Amino acid sequence: FGSILLIAAVVIQSVSVWVAEGLSSPQSVLTLHAVTALIVILLTNPTSAHAIGRAAHRSGIKPARAVVDDLEKEKP
C-alpha cells in the first residue's frame, strides 16, 4: 500500500496547487503522470503477485497455511 498512498498524496497535493494556479501550471503534468502511474500499479500488482505465487507453487514451494490448493488440481 505504500506506493499507492504515496502517489495518492502526490495527486492530492498537485491537484490542490493545480486548482489554485489554473490549468496552465506545471502541476497539471505532474498530476497526469501520477494518475497514470497509479492506474498502472493498480493493474499490474495483482497480475505480478499471481505470477510469483504460481511460479513458487510450480517449483515446489507451497503455502504453509493453505486450506484449499486449487493449483494442485491444475497440471500444466
N, C-alpha and C. Protein backbone atom coordinates (compact mmCIF):
# COMPACT_ATOMS: atom_id res chain seq x y z
N PHE A 1 0.81 -1.21 0.00
CA PHE A 1 0.00 0.00 0.00
C PHE A 1 0.85 1.27 0.00
N GLY A 2 2.13 1.13 0.26
CA GLY A 2 2.99 2.31 0.37
C GLY A 2 3.05 3.13 -0.90
N SER A 3 3.26 2.48 -2.02
CA SER A 3 3.37 3.23 -3.27
C SER A 3 2.04 3.84 -3.67
N ILE A 4 0.95 3.14 -3.41
CA ILE A 4 -0.37 3.67 -3.75
C ILE A 4 -0.68 4.91 -2.92
N LEU A 5 -0.40 4.85 -1.62
CA LEU A 5 -0.67 6.01 -0.76
C LEU A 5 0.25 7.18 -1.10
N LEU A 6 1.50 6.89 -1.44
CA LEU A 6 2.42 7.95 -1.81
C LEU A 6 1.97 8.66 -3.08
N ILE A 7 1.56 7.90 -4.07
CA ILE A 7 1.08 8.51 -5.32
C ILE A 7 -0.23 9.25 -5.08
N ALA A 8 -1.10 8.72 -4.22
CA ALA A 8 -2.34 9.42 -3.89
C ALA A 8 -2.04 10.77 -3.22
N ALA A 9 -1.03 10.81 -2.36
CA ALA A 9 -0.65 12.07 -1.73
C ALA A 9 -0.13 13.07 -2.75
N VAL A 10 0.66 12.59 -3.71
CA VAL A 10 1.16 13.47 -4.77
C VAL A 10 0.00 14.01 -5.60
N VAL A 11 -0.96 13.16 -5.91
CA VAL A 11 -2.12 13.59 -6.68
C VAL A 11 -2.91 14.65 -5.92
N ILE A 12 -3.17 14.41 -4.65
CA ILE A 12 -3.94 15.37 -3.85
C ILE A 12 -3.22 16.71 -3.76
N GLN A 13 -1.92 16.68 -3.50
CA GLN A 13 -1.15 17.92 -3.40
C GLN A 13 -1.10 18.65 -4.73
N SER A 14 -0.85 17.93 -5.80
CA SER A 14 -0.73 18.61 -7.09
C SER A 14 -2.08 19.11 -7.60
N VAL A 15 -3.16 18.42 -7.28
CA VAL A 15 -4.49 18.90 -7.67
C VAL A 15 -4.82 20.18 -6.91
N SER A 16 -4.44 20.25 -5.64
CA SER A 16 -4.72 21.48 -4.88
C SER A 16 -3.94 22.66 -5.45
N VAL A 17 -2.70 22.45 -5.86
CA VAL A 17 -1.92 23.52 -6.49
C VAL A 17 -2.48 23.83 -7.87
N TRP A 18 -2.88 22.80 -8.58
CA TRP A 18 -3.44 22.95 -9.93
C TRP A 18 -4.71 23.81 -9.89
N VAL A 19 -5.57 23.56 -8.91
CA VAL A 19 -6.81 24.34 -8.78
C VAL A 19 -6.49 25.78 -8.42
N ALA A 20 -5.51 25.99 -7.56
CA ALA A 20 -5.18 27.34 -7.13
C ALA A 20 -4.52 28.15 -8.24
N GLU A 21 -3.67 27.52 -9.06
CA GLU A 21 -2.92 28.25 -10.07
C GLU A 21 -3.55 28.22 -11.45
N GLY A 22 -4.45 27.31 -11.70
CA GLY A 22 -5.07 27.22 -13.01
C GLY A 22 -4.52 26.07 -13.82
N LEU A 23 -5.11 25.86 -14.99
CA LEU A 23 -4.77 24.72 -15.83
C LEU A 23 -3.39 24.81 -16.47
N SER A 24 -2.81 25.99 -16.53
CA SER A 24 -1.52 26.15 -17.21
C SER A 24 -0.32 25.88 -16.31
N SER A 25 -0.55 25.48 -15.08
CA SER A 25 0.56 25.25 -14.16
C SER A 25 1.28 23.94 -14.49
N PRO A 26 2.54 23.83 -14.13
CA PRO A 26 3.28 22.58 -14.35
C PRO A 26 2.73 21.42 -13.51
N GLN A 27 1.93 21.73 -12.52
CA GLN A 27 1.35 20.68 -11.67
C GLN A 27 0.36 19.82 -12.45
N SER A 28 -0.19 20.34 -13.54
CA SER A 28 -1.13 19.55 -14.32
C SER A 28 -0.44 18.35 -14.95
N VAL A 29 0.79 18.51 -15.40
CA VAL A 29 1.55 17.39 -15.98
C VAL A 29 1.90 16.39 -14.88
N LEU A 30 2.30 16.89 -13.72
CA LEU A 30 2.62 16.01 -12.60
C LEU A 30 1.39 15.20 -12.18
N THR A 31 0.25 15.84 -12.16
CA THR A 31 -0.99 15.14 -11.80
C THR A 31 -1.30 14.04 -12.81
N LEU A 32 -1.17 14.35 -14.08
CA LEU A 32 -1.43 13.35 -15.12
C LEU A 32 -0.47 12.17 -15.01
N HIS A 33 0.80 12.44 -14.78
CA HIS A 33 1.78 11.36 -14.64
C HIS A 33 1.51 10.52 -13.39
N ALA A 34 1.16 11.16 -12.29
CA ALA A 34 0.89 10.43 -11.06
C ALA A 34 -0.35 9.55 -11.19
N VAL A 35 -1.39 10.07 -11.81
CA VAL A 35 -2.61 9.27 -12.01
C VAL A 35 -2.32 8.10 -12.94
N THR A 36 -1.54 8.32 -13.98
CA THR A 36 -1.17 7.23 -14.89
C THR A 36 -0.37 6.16 -14.16
N ALA A 37 0.58 6.57 -13.34
CA ALA A 37 1.37 5.61 -12.56
C ALA A 37 0.49 4.84 -11.59
N LEU A 38 -0.46 5.52 -10.97
CA LEU A 38 -1.37 4.85 -10.03
C LEU A 38 -2.21 3.80 -10.73
N ILE A 39 -2.71 4.11 -11.90
CA ILE A 39 -3.52 3.15 -12.66
C ILE A 39 -2.67 1.94 -13.06
N VAL A 40 -1.45 2.19 -13.51
CA VAL A 40 -0.57 1.08 -13.91
C VAL A 40 -0.25 0.19 -12.71
N ILE A 41 0.03 0.78 -11.57
CA ILE A 41 0.32 -0.02 -10.36
C ILE A 41 -0.90 -0.84 -9.96
N LEU A 42 -2.07 -0.24 -9.99
CA LEU A 42 -3.28 -0.97 -9.61
C LEU A 42 -3.60 -2.11 -10.57
N LEU A 43 -3.22 -1.97 -11.84
CA LEU A 43 -3.48 -3.04 -12.81
C LEU A 43 -2.43 -4.14 -12.78
N THR A 44 -1.18 -3.80 -12.50
CA THR A 44 -0.12 -4.79 -12.59
C THR A 44 0.17 -5.52 -11.29
N ASN A 45 -0.17 -4.96 -10.14
CA ASN A 45 0.12 -5.63 -8.87
C ASN A 45 -0.55 -7.00 -8.74
N PRO A 46 -1.85 -7.14 -9.01
CA PRO A 46 -2.46 -8.47 -8.88
C PRO A 46 -1.88 -9.48 -9.86
N THR A 47 -1.57 -9.03 -11.06
CA THR A 47 -1.02 -9.94 -12.06
C THR A 47 0.36 -10.44 -11.65
N SER A 48 1.20 -9.56 -11.17
CA SER A 48 2.54 -9.98 -10.77
C SER A 48 2.50 -10.85 -9.52
N ALA A 49 1.62 -10.55 -8.58
CA ALA A 49 1.50 -11.39 -7.39
C ALA A 49 1.03 -12.80 -7.75
N HIS A 50 0.11 -12.89 -8.70
CA HIS A 50 -0.37 -14.20 -9.15
C HIS A 50 0.75 -14.97 -9.84
N ALA A 51 1.52 -14.30 -10.67
CA ALA A 51 2.62 -14.96 -11.39
C ALA A 51 3.69 -15.45 -10.42
N ILE A 52 4.01 -14.66 -9.41
CA ILE A 52 5.01 -15.08 -8.42
C ILE A 52 4.51 -16.27 -7.62
N GLY A 53 3.25 -16.23 -7.20
CA GLY A 53 2.68 -17.35 -6.45
C GLY A 53 2.60 -18.62 -7.26
N ARG A 54 2.23 -18.51 -8.51
CA ARG A 54 2.14 -19.69 -9.38
C ARG A 54 3.52 -20.28 -9.64
N ALA A 55 4.51 -19.42 -9.87
CA ALA A 55 5.88 -19.90 -10.09
C ALA A 55 6.43 -20.59 -8.85
N ALA A 56 6.14 -20.04 -7.68
CA ALA A 56 6.59 -20.67 -6.44
C ALA A 56 5.93 -22.03 -6.26
N HIS A 57 4.65 -22.13 -6.57
CA HIS A 57 3.94 -23.40 -6.42
C HIS A 57 4.49 -24.44 -7.39
N ARG A 58 4.76 -24.03 -8.61
CA ARG A 58 5.30 -24.98 -9.60
C ARG A 58 6.71 -25.44 -9.24
N SER A 59 7.45 -24.62 -8.52
CA SER A 59 8.80 -25.03 -8.13
C SER A 59 8.81 -25.84 -6.84
N GLY A 60 7.64 -26.06 -6.26
CA GLY A 60 7.54 -26.92 -5.09
C GLY A 60 7.38 -26.20 -3.77
N ILE A 61 7.35 -24.90 -3.77
CA ILE A 61 7.16 -24.14 -2.54
C ILE A 61 5.67 -23.93 -2.35
N LYS A 62 5.11 -24.58 -1.35
CA LYS A 62 3.67 -24.50 -1.12
C LYS A 62 3.38 -23.63 0.10
N PRO A 63 2.24 -22.96 0.11
CA PRO A 63 1.89 -22.13 1.27
C PRO A 63 1.71 -22.97 2.52
N ALA A 64 2.18 -22.46 3.65
CA ALA A 64 2.15 -23.22 4.89
C ALA A 64 0.74 -23.40 5.43
N ARG A 65 -0.07 -22.36 5.35
CA ARG A 65 -1.40 -22.42 5.96
C ARG A 65 -2.52 -22.48 4.94
N ALA A 66 -2.28 -23.04 3.80
CA ALA A 66 -3.31 -23.12 2.77
C ALA A 66 -4.34 -24.18 3.14
N VAL A 67 -5.61 -23.82 3.05
CA VAL A 67 -6.70 -24.75 3.32
C VAL A 67 -7.07 -25.49 2.05
N VAL A 68 -7.16 -24.77 0.95
CA VAL A 68 -7.51 -25.34 -0.34
C VAL A 68 -6.37 -25.03 -1.31
N ASP A 69 -5.95 -26.03 -2.05
CA ASP A 69 -4.88 -25.84 -3.02
C ASP A 69 -5.44 -26.04 -4.42
N ASP A 70 -5.97 -24.97 -5.01
CA ASP A 70 -6.56 -25.05 -6.34
C ASP A 70 -5.52 -25.30 -7.43
N LEU A 71 -4.30 -24.89 -7.20
CA LEU A 71 -3.27 -25.09 -8.22
C LEU A 71 -2.82 -26.54 -8.30
N GLU A 72 -3.05 -27.31 -7.25
CA GLU A 72 -2.68 -28.73 -7.28
C GLU A 72 -3.53 -29.49 -8.29
N LYS A 73 -4.77 -29.04 -8.47
CA LYS A 73 -5.68 -29.69 -9.41
C LYS A 73 -5.27 -29.42 -10.85
N GLU A 74 -4.69 -28.25 -11.11
CA GLU A 74 -4.27 -27.87 -12.46
C GLU A 74 -2.89 -28.44 -12.72
N LYS A 75 -2.79 -29.26 -13.69
CA LYS A 75 -1.48 -29.78 -14.10
C LYS A 75 -1.11 -29.12 -15.42
N PRO A 76 0.10 -28.57 -15.53
CA PRO A 76 0.49 -27.86 -16.76
C PRO A 76 0.63 -28.77 -17.96
